[in-house]
Amino acid sequence: MAVNLAGGDLSLMGLGVTGLYLTGAVACGRAGRRSWTLGNGDAWGWVLIGAVLLLLGINKQVDLQQIVRVTAASFARSWGWYEHRRMIQAAALIGIASGLGVGGLGWLWWVRRRRGLWLATAGAGVVGGFVLLRAATFYHAADPLLRPVGSQAIVLGLEPIGPLVILAAAVWAAIRRRPAQGPPTINR
């Protein structure tokens, strides 16, 4: 089993989604900088969301999950437990879902009073859902669910939605004005 290290998704849609991830990461950086200057406490949230988008953009073209999958299959064959791969794949999928769930709950707890990050949080939830569905398609766990619509429909339909929502939220956060803090005072 050979790994294609030449690149990931070089289709027009793949390059477009990569562009969305990277543009969203830059916009999150700008929103984080703006939040830092306003002192509203949202800066680290924007940095974290931007870092995730940057990693997903890189992964879209480098295809890291394929490298991990092929390496794991090679180890499974050499160690003699390849015939038990479905059970191990299910455990990996449960681990990914658990990690996304615990991370998502922690994020929701942290962001509960940061209204400037709510829309970006919704976009991040869509991205997390896409990542979980994508992982399920790698392990064929979602085949019965996705067979009627096809996994390509999910890739084409769901993947760009999260980064678009995050991009919109980041642009809004970067350009919005400081809220009014009452009438100006004259210091003499």
N, C-alpha and C. Protein backbone atom coordinates (compact mmCIF):
# COMPACT_ATOMS: atom_id res chain seq x y z
N MET A 1 0.84 -1.16 0.00
CA MET A 1 0.00 0.00 0.00
C MET A 1 0.90 1.24 0.00
N ALA A 2 0.84 2.04 -1.03
CA ALA A 2 1.70 3.21 -1.15
C ALA A 2 0.93 4.47 -0.76
N VAL A 3 1.64 5.41 -0.20
CA VAL A 3 1.05 6.68 0.19
C VAL A 3 1.45 7.72 -0.85
N ASN A 4 0.47 8.47 -1.32
CA ASN A 4 0.74 9.54 -2.28
C ASN A 4 1.15 10.79 -1.52
N LEU A 5 2.43 11.10 -1.51
CA LEU A 5 2.92 12.28 -0.82
C LEU A 5 2.95 13.51 -1.73
N ALA A 6 2.47 13.37 -2.96
CA ALA A 6 2.49 14.48 -3.91
C ALA A 6 1.48 15.56 -3.54
N GLY A 7 0.43 15.22 -2.86
CA GLY A 7 -0.55 16.22 -2.49
C GLY A 7 -1.88 15.59 -2.19
N GLY A 8 -2.75 16.40 -1.65
CA GLY A 8 -4.07 15.93 -1.29
C GLY A 8 -5.06 16.20 -2.40
N ASP A 9 -6.06 16.97 -2.09
CA ASP A 9 -7.17 17.24 -2.99
C ASP A 9 -6.82 18.42 -3.90
N LEU A 10 -6.40 18.11 -5.12
CA LEU A 10 -5.99 19.16 -6.06
C LEU A 10 -7.11 19.53 -7.03
N SER A 11 -8.33 19.07 -6.74
CA SER A 11 -9.46 19.46 -7.58
C SER A 11 -9.79 20.93 -7.33
N LEU A 12 -10.62 21.49 -8.18
CA LEU A 12 -11.02 22.89 -8.02
C LEU A 12 -11.73 23.08 -6.68
N MET A 13 -12.61 22.14 -6.33
CA MET A 13 -13.31 22.22 -5.05
C MET A 13 -12.34 22.08 -3.88
N GLY A 14 -11.41 21.16 -3.98
CA GLY A 14 -10.42 20.97 -2.92
C GLY A 14 -9.54 22.18 -2.71
N LEU A 15 -9.11 22.77 -3.80
CA LEU A 15 -8.29 23.99 -3.68
C LEU A 15 -9.12 25.14 -3.13
N GLY A 16 -10.39 25.20 -3.52
CA GLY A 16 -11.27 26.25 -3.00
C GLY A 16 -11.48 26.12 -1.50
N VAL A 17 -11.71 24.90 -1.04
CA VAL A 17 -11.90 24.68 0.40
C VAL A 17 -10.60 24.96 1.15
N THR A 18 -9.47 24.57 0.57
CA THR A 18 -8.18 24.90 1.19
C THR A 18 -8.03 26.41 1.32
N GLY A 19 -8.40 27.12 0.26
CA GLY A 19 -8.37 28.59 0.31
C GLY A 19 -9.27 29.14 1.39
N LEU A 20 -10.45 28.53 1.55
CA LEU A 20 -11.37 28.96 2.62
C LEU A 20 -10.74 28.74 4.00
N TYR A 21 -10.15 27.57 4.20
CA TYR A 21 -9.50 27.30 5.48
C TYR A 21 -8.40 28.33 5.76
N LEU A 22 -7.55 28.57 4.78
CA LEU A 22 -6.43 29.48 5.01
C LEU A 22 -6.88 30.93 5.14
N THR A 23 -7.86 31.35 4.33
CA THR A 23 -8.40 32.70 4.45
C THR A 23 -9.09 32.87 5.80
N GLY A 24 -9.82 31.84 6.22
CA GLY A 24 -10.45 31.88 7.54
C GLY A 24 -9.43 31.98 8.66
N ALA A 25 -8.32 31.27 8.52
CA ALA A 25 -7.26 31.34 9.55
C ALA A 25 -6.69 32.75 9.63
N VAL A 26 -6.45 33.37 8.49
CA VAL A 26 -5.93 34.75 8.48
C VAL A 26 -6.95 35.71 9.08
N ALA A 27 -8.22 35.55 8.71
CA ALA A 27 -9.28 36.41 9.26
C ALA A 27 -9.41 36.22 10.77
N CYS A 28 -9.26 34.99 11.24
CA CYS A 28 -9.29 34.75 12.69
C CYS A 28 -8.12 35.45 13.38
N GLY A 29 -6.96 35.43 12.73
CA GLY A 29 -5.82 36.14 13.29
C GLY A 29 -6.09 37.64 13.40
N ARG A 30 -6.71 38.20 12.37
CA ARG A 30 -7.05 39.63 12.39
C ARG A 30 -8.10 39.92 13.46
N ALA A 31 -9.08 39.04 13.57
CA ALA A 31 -10.12 39.22 14.61
C ALA A 31 -9.50 39.09 16.00
N GLY A 32 -8.56 38.18 16.15
CA GLY A 32 -7.88 38.03 17.43
C GLY A 32 -7.08 39.28 17.78
N ARG A 33 -6.42 39.84 16.79
CA ARG A 33 -5.66 41.08 17.03
C ARG A 33 -6.59 42.22 17.42
N ARG A 34 -7.72 42.31 16.72
CA ARG A 34 -8.70 43.35 17.03
C ARG A 34 -9.27 43.13 18.44
N SER A 35 -9.57 41.90 18.79
CA SER A 35 -10.09 41.59 20.12
C SER A 35 -9.06 41.93 21.20
N TRP A 36 -7.80 41.69 20.88
CA TRP A 36 -6.73 42.00 21.83
C TRP A 36 -6.67 43.50 22.10
N THR A 37 -6.78 44.30 21.03
CA THR A 37 -6.73 45.76 21.22
C THR A 37 -7.97 46.28 21.93
N LEU A 38 -9.11 45.63 21.74
CA LEU A 38 -10.33 46.03 22.44
C LEU A 38 -10.36 45.53 23.87
N GLY A 39 -9.56 44.51 24.16
CA GLY A 39 -9.50 43.95 25.51
C GLY A 39 -10.77 43.22 25.92
N ASN A 40 -11.45 42.59 24.96
CA ASN A 40 -12.71 41.93 25.29
C ASN A 40 -12.56 40.45 25.64
N GLY A 41 -11.37 39.92 25.66
CA GLY A 41 -11.15 38.54 26.09
C GLY A 41 -11.37 37.47 25.04
N ASP A 42 -11.70 37.85 23.80
CA ASP A 42 -11.96 36.87 22.75
C ASP A 42 -10.71 36.48 21.96
N ALA A 43 -9.60 37.16 22.19
CA ALA A 43 -8.42 36.99 21.34
C ALA A 43 -7.94 35.54 21.29
N TRP A 44 -7.85 34.88 22.44
CA TRP A 44 -7.34 33.50 22.44
C TRP A 44 -8.29 32.55 21.74
N GLY A 45 -9.57 32.82 21.80
CA GLY A 45 -10.54 32.00 21.06
C GLY A 45 -10.33 32.11 19.56
N TRP A 46 -10.10 33.34 19.08
CA TRP A 46 -9.85 33.53 17.65
C TRP A 46 -8.54 32.86 17.24
N VAL A 47 -7.54 32.95 18.09
CA VAL A 47 -6.25 32.31 17.77
C VAL A 47 -6.43 30.79 17.67
N LEU A 48 -7.17 30.20 18.61
CA LEU A 48 -7.38 28.75 18.59
C LEU A 48 -8.16 28.32 17.35
N ILE A 49 -9.24 29.02 17.04
CA ILE A 49 -10.02 28.67 15.85
C ILE A 49 -9.17 28.85 14.59
N GLY A 50 -8.39 29.92 14.53
CA GLY A 50 -7.51 30.14 13.38
C GLY A 50 -6.47 29.05 13.23
N ALA A 51 -5.91 28.59 14.36
CA ALA A 51 -4.91 27.51 14.31
C ALA A 51 -5.53 26.22 13.79
N VAL A 52 -6.76 25.92 14.23
CA VAL A 52 -7.45 24.71 13.75
C VAL A 52 -7.69 24.81 12.25
N LEU A 53 -8.15 25.98 11.78
CA LEU A 53 -8.38 26.16 10.35
C LEU A 53 -7.08 26.03 9.56
N LEU A 54 -5.99 26.58 10.08
CA LEU A 54 -4.70 26.45 9.41
C LEU A 54 -4.29 24.99 9.28
N LEU A 55 -4.43 24.23 10.37
CA LEU A 55 -4.08 22.81 10.34
C LEU A 55 -4.98 22.04 9.36
N LEU A 56 -6.27 22.37 9.32
CA LEU A 56 -7.17 21.68 8.39
C LEU A 56 -6.83 22.04 6.94
N GLY A 57 -6.42 23.28 6.70
CA GLY A 57 -6.01 23.68 5.35
C GLY A 57 -4.76 22.94 4.90
N ILE A 58 -3.80 22.82 5.80
CA ILE A 58 -2.59 22.06 5.48
C ILE A 58 -2.94 20.60 5.24
N ASN A 59 -3.77 20.03 6.13
CA ASN A 59 -4.16 18.64 6.00
C ASN A 59 -4.91 18.38 4.69
N LYS A 60 -5.69 19.35 4.24
CA LYS A 60 -6.46 19.18 3.00
C LYS A 60 -5.53 18.89 1.82
N GLN A 61 -4.34 19.47 1.83
CA GLN A 61 -3.42 19.27 0.73
C GLN A 61 -2.34 18.23 1.00
N VAL A 62 -1.97 18.03 2.26
CA VAL A 62 -0.94 17.04 2.59
C VAL A 62 -1.54 15.66 2.82
N ASP A 63 -2.81 15.60 3.22
CA ASP A 63 -3.54 14.35 3.42
C ASP A 63 -2.92 13.51 4.54
N LEU A 64 -2.76 14.14 5.71
CA LEU A 64 -2.13 13.47 6.85
C LEU A 64 -2.91 12.25 7.32
N GLN A 65 -4.25 12.30 7.27
CA GLN A 65 -5.02 11.16 7.75
C GLN A 65 -4.77 9.92 6.90
N GLN A 66 -4.49 10.10 5.63
CA GLN A 66 -4.17 8.95 4.77
C GLN A 66 -2.83 8.34 5.16
N ILE A 67 -1.87 9.19 5.50
CA ILE A 67 -0.57 8.70 5.95
C ILE A 67 -0.73 7.90 7.25
N VAL A 68 -1.52 8.42 8.19
CA VAL A 68 -1.76 7.72 9.45
C VAL A 68 -2.46 6.40 9.19
N ARG A 69 -3.46 6.41 8.33
CA ARG A 69 -4.22 5.18 8.04
C ARG A 69 -3.34 4.10 7.41
N VAL A 70 -2.53 4.47 6.44
CA VAL A 70 -1.66 3.49 5.77
C VAL A 70 -0.58 2.98 6.74
N THR A 71 -0.03 3.86 7.55
CA THR A 71 0.98 3.46 8.53
C THR A 71 0.37 2.50 9.56
N ALA A 72 -0.83 2.82 10.03
CA ALA A 72 -1.49 1.94 11.01
C ALA A 72 -1.79 0.57 10.40
N ALA A 73 -2.24 0.54 9.14
CA ALA A 73 -2.51 -0.75 8.49
C ALA A 73 -1.22 -1.56 8.34
N SER A 74 -0.13 -0.89 8.03
CA SER A 74 1.16 -1.58 7.89
C SER A 74 1.59 -2.18 9.23
N PHE A 75 1.46 -1.42 10.31
CA PHE A 75 1.78 -1.95 11.63
C PHE A 75 0.87 -3.11 11.99
N ALA A 76 -0.41 -2.99 11.67
CA ALA A 76 -1.36 -4.06 12.00
C ALA A 76 -1.00 -5.35 11.29
N ARG A 77 -0.59 -5.25 10.03
CA ARG A 77 -0.17 -6.46 9.30
C ARG A 77 1.10 -7.06 9.91
N SER A 78 2.07 -6.21 10.18
CA SER A 78 3.34 -6.72 10.68
C SER A 78 3.21 -7.29 12.10
N TRP A 79 2.27 -6.79 12.89
CA TRP A 79 2.10 -7.27 14.25
C TRP A 79 1.05 -8.37 14.36
N GLY A 80 0.39 -8.67 13.26
CA GLY A 80 -0.51 -9.80 13.22
C GLY A 80 -1.92 -9.55 13.72
N TRP A 81 -2.35 -8.31 13.88
CA TRP A 81 -3.73 -8.08 14.31
C TRP A 81 -4.55 -7.34 13.26
N TYR A 82 -4.17 -7.51 12.02
CA TYR A 82 -4.91 -6.86 10.92
C TYR A 82 -6.34 -7.40 10.81
N GLU A 83 -6.53 -8.68 11.11
CA GLU A 83 -7.87 -9.27 11.00
C GLU A 83 -8.83 -8.69 12.03
N HIS A 84 -8.30 -8.00 13.05
CA HIS A 84 -9.14 -7.36 14.08
C HIS A 84 -9.27 -5.85 13.83
N ARG A 85 -8.97 -5.43 12.61
CA ARG A 85 -8.90 -4.00 12.32
C ARG A 85 -10.24 -3.28 12.51
N ARG A 86 -11.37 -3.94 12.25
CA ARG A 86 -12.68 -3.28 12.38
C ARG A 86 -12.93 -2.87 13.84
N MET A 87 -12.54 -3.72 14.77
CA MET A 87 -12.71 -3.39 16.18
C MET A 87 -11.79 -2.21 16.56
N ILE A 88 -10.58 -2.21 16.04
CA ILE A 88 -9.63 -1.14 16.33
C ILE A 88 -10.09 0.15 15.66
N GLN A 89 -10.63 0.05 14.45
CA GLN A 89 -11.16 1.23 13.77
C GLN A 89 -12.34 1.81 14.55
N ALA A 90 -13.20 0.95 15.06
CA ALA A 90 -14.33 1.43 15.86
C ALA A 90 -13.84 2.14 17.12
N ALA A 91 -12.81 1.59 17.76
CA ALA A 91 -12.24 2.23 18.94
C ALA A 91 -11.63 3.59 18.59
N ALA A 92 -10.96 3.66 17.45
CA ALA A 92 -10.39 4.93 17.01
C ALA A 92 -11.49 5.95 16.74
N LEU A 93 -12.57 5.52 16.11
CA LEU A 93 -13.68 6.42 15.83
C LEU A 93 -14.34 6.89 17.12
N ILE A 94 -14.49 5.99 18.08
CA ILE A 94 -15.03 6.39 19.39
C ILE A 94 -14.10 7.38 20.07
N GLY A 95 -12.80 7.16 19.93
CA GLY A 95 -11.83 8.09 20.51
C GLY A 95 -11.91 9.47 19.87
N ILE A 96 -12.04 9.50 18.54
CA ILE A 96 -12.17 10.79 17.84
C ILE A 96 -13.46 11.49 18.27
N ALA A 97 -14.56 10.76 18.31
CA ALA A 97 -15.84 11.35 18.72
C ALA A 97 -15.78 11.84 20.16
N SER A 98 -15.15 11.05 21.03
CA SER A 98 -15.03 11.46 22.44
C SER A 98 -14.18 12.71 22.58
N GLY A 99 -13.07 12.75 21.85
CA GLY A 99 -12.21 13.93 21.89
C GLY A 99 -12.92 15.17 21.40
N LEU A 100 -13.65 15.03 20.28
CA LEU A 100 -14.41 16.17 19.77
C LEU A 100 -15.51 16.58 20.76
N GLY A 101 -16.16 15.60 21.38
CA GLY A 101 -17.22 15.89 22.33
C GLY A 101 -16.71 16.60 23.58
N VAL A 102 -15.65 16.08 24.17
CA VAL A 102 -15.09 16.69 25.38
C VAL A 102 -14.51 18.06 25.05
N GLY A 103 -13.79 18.15 23.94
CA GLY A 103 -13.26 19.45 23.53
C GLY A 103 -14.37 20.45 23.24
N GLY A 104 -15.43 19.99 22.59
CA GLY A 104 -16.56 20.87 22.30
C GLY A 104 -17.26 21.35 23.55
N LEU A 105 -17.46 20.47 24.53
CA LEU A 105 -18.08 20.88 25.79
C LEU A 105 -17.20 21.88 26.54
N GLY A 106 -15.90 21.62 26.56
CA GLY A 106 -14.98 22.57 27.19
C GLY A 106 -15.01 23.93 26.50
N TRP A 107 -15.04 23.89 25.19
CA TRP A 107 -15.10 25.14 24.42
C TRP A 107 -16.41 25.89 24.72
N LEU A 108 -17.53 25.18 24.73
CA LEU A 108 -18.82 25.82 25.01
C LEU A 108 -18.84 26.44 26.41
N TRP A 109 -18.23 25.75 27.38
CA TRP A 109 -18.16 26.31 28.72
C TRP A 109 -17.33 27.60 28.71
N TRP A 110 -16.20 27.60 28.00
CA TRP A 110 -15.33 28.77 27.97
C TRP A 110 -15.98 29.93 27.23
N VAL A 111 -16.72 29.65 26.15
CA VAL A 111 -17.24 30.69 25.28
C VAL A 111 -18.63 31.19 25.73
N ARG A 112 -19.16 30.62 26.79
CA ARG A 112 -20.54 30.92 27.18
C ARG A 112 -20.79 32.40 27.43
N ARG A 113 -19.80 33.15 27.85
CA ARG A 113 -19.96 34.59 28.12
C ARG A 113 -19.24 35.46 27.09
N ARG A 114 -18.76 34.86 26.04
CA ARG A 114 -18.04 35.60 25.00
C ARG A 114 -18.90 35.67 23.75
N ARG A 115 -19.81 36.61 23.72
CA ARG A 115 -20.78 36.69 22.63
C ARG A 115 -20.13 36.93 21.28
N GLY A 116 -18.94 37.49 21.25
CA GLY A 116 -18.26 37.73 19.99
C GLY A 116 -17.80 36.46 19.29
N LEU A 117 -17.82 35.34 19.99
CA LEU A 117 -17.37 34.07 19.42
C LEU A 117 -18.50 33.09 19.13
N TRP A 118 -19.73 33.47 19.37
CA TRP A 118 -20.84 32.52 19.22
C TRP A 118 -21.00 32.06 17.78
N LEU A 119 -20.97 32.97 16.82
CA LEU A 119 -21.14 32.57 15.42
C LEU A 119 -19.96 31.70 14.97
N ALA A 120 -18.76 32.08 15.37
CA ALA A 120 -17.58 31.27 15.04
C ALA A 120 -17.69 29.89 15.69
N THR A 121 -18.28 29.82 16.88
CA THR A 121 -18.47 28.54 17.56
C THR A 121 -19.43 27.66 16.77
N ALA A 122 -20.48 28.26 16.21
CA ALA A 122 -21.40 27.49 15.37
C ALA A 122 -20.66 26.93 14.15
N GLY A 123 -19.82 27.75 13.52
CA GLY A 123 -19.03 27.29 12.38
C GLY A 123 -18.06 26.20 12.78
N ALA A 124 -17.45 26.36 13.96
CA ALA A 124 -16.52 25.32 14.44
C ALA A 124 -17.26 24.02 14.72
N GLY A 125 -18.51 24.11 15.17
CA GLY A 125 -19.31 22.91 15.38
C GLY A 125 -19.58 22.18 14.07
N VAL A 126 -19.84 22.95 13.01
CA VAL A 126 -20.04 22.33 11.69
C VAL A 126 -18.74 21.67 11.22
N VAL A 127 -17.61 22.35 11.45
CA VAL A 127 -16.31 21.77 11.07
C VAL A 127 -16.07 20.48 11.86
N GLY A 128 -16.36 20.50 13.17
CA GLY A 128 -16.20 19.29 13.98
C GLY A 128 -17.09 18.16 13.51
N GLY A 129 -18.33 18.48 13.15
CA GLY A 129 -19.23 17.47 12.60
C GLY A 129 -18.72 16.89 11.30
N PHE A 130 -18.17 17.76 10.46
CA PHE A 130 -17.60 17.28 9.20
C PHE A 130 -16.42 16.35 9.47
N VAL A 131 -15.54 16.74 10.40
CA VAL A 131 -14.37 15.91 10.71
C VAL A 131 -14.82 14.54 11.20
N LEU A 132 -15.84 14.50 12.05
CA LEU A 132 -16.33 13.22 12.55
C LEU A 132 -16.94 12.38 11.43
N LEU A 133 -17.74 13.00 10.56
CA LEU A 133 -18.31 12.25 9.43
C LEU A 133 -17.22 11.77 8.49
N ARG A 134 -16.21 12.59 8.27
CA ARG A 134 -15.11 12.21 7.38
C ARG A 134 -14.35 11.03 7.97
N ALA A 135 -14.11 11.07 9.28
CA ALA A 135 -13.44 9.94 9.94
C ALA A 135 -14.29 8.69 9.84
N ALA A 136 -15.60 8.83 9.98
CA ALA A 136 -16.48 7.67 9.87
C ALA A 136 -16.45 7.08 8.46
N THR A 137 -16.31 7.92 7.44
CA THR A 137 -16.24 7.39 6.08
C THR A 137 -14.93 6.65 5.84
N PHE A 138 -13.86 7.05 6.52
CA PHE A 138 -12.59 6.32 6.37
C PHE A 138 -12.72 4.90 6.90
N TYR A 139 -13.49 4.75 7.96
CA TYR A 139 -13.62 3.44 8.58
C TYR A 139 -14.87 2.71 8.12
N HIS A 140 -15.55 3.25 7.13
CA HIS A 140 -16.76 2.66 6.54
C HIS A 140 -17.88 2.51 7.56
N ALA A 141 -17.79 3.23 8.68
CA ALA A 141 -18.85 3.15 9.69
C ALA A 141 -20.09 3.90 9.25
N ALA A 142 -19.91 4.89 8.39
CA ALA A 142 -21.05 5.71 7.97
C ALA A 142 -21.65 5.23 6.66
N ASP A 143 -21.16 4.13 6.11
CA ASP A 143 -21.66 3.67 4.81
C ASP A 143 -23.17 3.48 4.76
N PRO A 144 -23.79 2.81 5.73
CA PRO A 144 -25.26 2.66 5.64
C PRO A 144 -25.99 3.99 5.68
N LEU A 145 -25.47 4.93 6.45
CA LEU A 145 -26.10 6.25 6.56
C LEU A 145 -25.90 7.08 5.31
N LEU A 146 -24.71 7.01 4.73
CA LEU A 146 -24.35 7.90 3.63
C LEU A 146 -24.60 7.31 2.25
N ARG A 147 -24.87 6.03 2.17
CA ARG A 147 -25.05 5.39 0.87
C ARG A 147 -26.12 6.07 0.02
N PRO A 148 -27.28 6.46 0.59
CA PRO A 148 -28.30 7.09 -0.25
C PRO A 148 -27.85 8.42 -0.87
N VAL A 149 -27.06 9.21 -0.15
CA VAL A 149 -26.64 10.51 -0.69
C VAL A 149 -25.22 10.48 -1.23
N GLY A 150 -24.43 9.53 -0.80
CA GLY A 150 -23.05 9.42 -1.26
C GLY A 150 -22.13 10.29 -0.43
N SER A 151 -20.95 9.79 -0.14
CA SER A 151 -20.01 10.55 0.68
C SER A 151 -19.51 11.79 -0.05
N GLN A 152 -19.48 11.76 -1.37
CA GLN A 152 -19.04 12.94 -2.12
C GLN A 152 -19.99 14.12 -1.91
N ALA A 153 -21.28 13.84 -1.73
CA ALA A 153 -22.24 14.90 -1.46
C ALA A 153 -21.93 15.59 -0.14
N ILE A 154 -21.48 14.82 0.84
CA ILE A 154 -21.13 15.42 2.13
C ILE A 154 -19.89 16.28 1.98
N VAL A 155 -18.89 15.77 1.25
CA VAL A 155 -17.67 16.55 1.05
C VAL A 155 -17.99 17.86 0.34
N LEU A 156 -18.78 17.78 -0.72
CA LEU A 156 -19.10 18.98 -1.49
C LEU A 156 -20.02 19.93 -0.73
N GLY A 157 -20.93 19.37 0.07
CA GLY A 157 -21.92 20.21 0.72
C GLY A 157 -21.55 20.70 2.10
N LEU A 158 -21.01 19.85 2.94
CA LEU A 158 -20.81 20.20 4.34
C LEU A 158 -19.45 20.85 4.61
N GLU A 159 -18.42 20.42 3.93
CA GLU A 159 -17.09 20.91 4.29
C GLU A 159 -16.93 22.42 4.19
N PRO A 160 -17.40 23.09 3.14
CA PRO A 160 -17.16 24.54 3.08
C PRO A 160 -18.05 25.37 4.01
N ILE A 161 -19.14 24.80 4.53
CA ILE A 161 -20.08 25.59 5.33
C ILE A 161 -19.42 26.12 6.61
N GLY A 162 -18.75 25.25 7.36
CA GLY A 162 -18.12 25.66 8.61
C GLY A 162 -17.09 26.76 8.42
N PRO A 163 -16.13 26.58 7.50
CA PRO A 163 -15.15 27.65 7.29
C PRO A 163 -15.78 28.96 6.80
N LEU A 164 -16.86 28.88 6.01
CA LEU A 164 -17.53 30.09 5.57
C LEU A 164 -18.17 30.84 6.74
N VAL A 165 -18.80 30.11 7.65
CA VAL A 165 -19.41 30.74 8.82
C VAL A 165 -18.33 31.36 9.70
N ILE A 166 -17.23 30.65 9.91
CA ILE A 166 -16.14 31.17 10.72
C ILE A 166 -15.54 32.41 10.05
N LEU A 167 -15.35 32.36 8.74
CA LEU A 167 -14.81 33.50 8.01
C LEU A 167 -15.71 34.72 8.18
N ALA A 168 -17.01 34.53 8.04
CA ALA A 168 -17.95 35.65 8.20
C ALA A 168 -17.87 36.22 9.61
N ALA A 169 -17.83 35.35 10.61
CA ALA A 169 -17.75 35.81 12.00
C ALA A 169 -16.45 36.55 12.27
N ALA A 170 -15.34 36.06 11.71
CA ALA A 170 -14.04 36.69 11.93
C ALA A 170 -13.98 38.05 11.25
N VAL A 171 -14.50 38.15 10.04
CA VAL A 171 -14.50 39.44 9.34
C VAL A 171 -15.35 40.43 10.12
N TRP A 172 -16.51 39.99 10.59
CA TRP A 172 -17.37 40.87 11.38
C TRP A 172 -16.65 41.32 12.65
N ALA A 173 -15.98 40.41 13.34
CA ALA A 173 -15.28 40.77 14.57
C ALA A 173 -14.11 41.70 14.30
N ALA A 174 -13.48 41.55 13.15
CA ALA A 174 -12.32 42.40 12.84
C ALA A 174 -12.72 43.81 12.44
N ILE A 175 -13.92 43.98 11.87
CA ILE A 175 -14.28 45.32 11.39
C ILE A 175 -15.27 46.05 12.28
N ARG A 176 -15.88 45.37 13.22
CA ARG A 176 -16.88 46.06 14.04
C ARG A 176 -16.22 47.11 14.92
N ARG A 177 -17.01 48.09 15.22
CA ARG A 177 -16.49 49.20 16.03
C ARG A 177 -16.59 48.87 17.51
N ARG A 178 -15.79 49.59 18.26
CA ARG A 178 -15.86 49.45 19.71
C ARG A 178 -17.23 49.92 20.18
N PRO A 179 -17.88 49.16 21.07
CA PRO A 179 -19.19 49.61 21.56
C PRO A 179 -19.07 50.91 22.34
N ALA A 180 -20.11 51.72 22.25
CA ALA A 180 -20.12 52.99 22.96
C ALA A 180 -20.06 52.75 24.47
N GLN A 181 -19.29 53.58 25.15
CA GLN A 181 -19.12 53.39 26.59
C GLN A 181 -19.62 54.60 27.36
N GLY A 182 -20.61 55.25 26.82
CA GLY A 182 -21.18 56.41 27.51
C GLY A 182 -20.65 57.70 26.91
N PRO A 183 -21.13 58.81 27.42
CA PRO A 183 -20.71 60.10 26.86
C PRO A 183 -19.24 60.37 27.17
N PRO A 184 -18.56 61.06 26.24
CA PRO A 184 -17.15 61.39 26.50
C PRO A 184 -17.04 62.39 27.66
N THR A 185 -15.97 62.26 28.39
CA THR A 185 -15.73 63.17 29.50
C THR A 185 -14.56 64.07 29.16
N ILE A 186 -14.58 65.24 29.73
CA ILE A 186 -13.50 66.20 29.50
C ILE A 186 -12.66 66.26 30.76
N ASN A 187 -11.41 65.92 30.62
CA ASN A 187 -10.48 65.96 31.77
C ASN A 187 -9.72 67.27 31.71
N ARG A 188 -9.84 68.07 32.77
CA ARG A 188 -9.10 69.34 32.84
C ARG A 188 -8.15 69.33 33.96
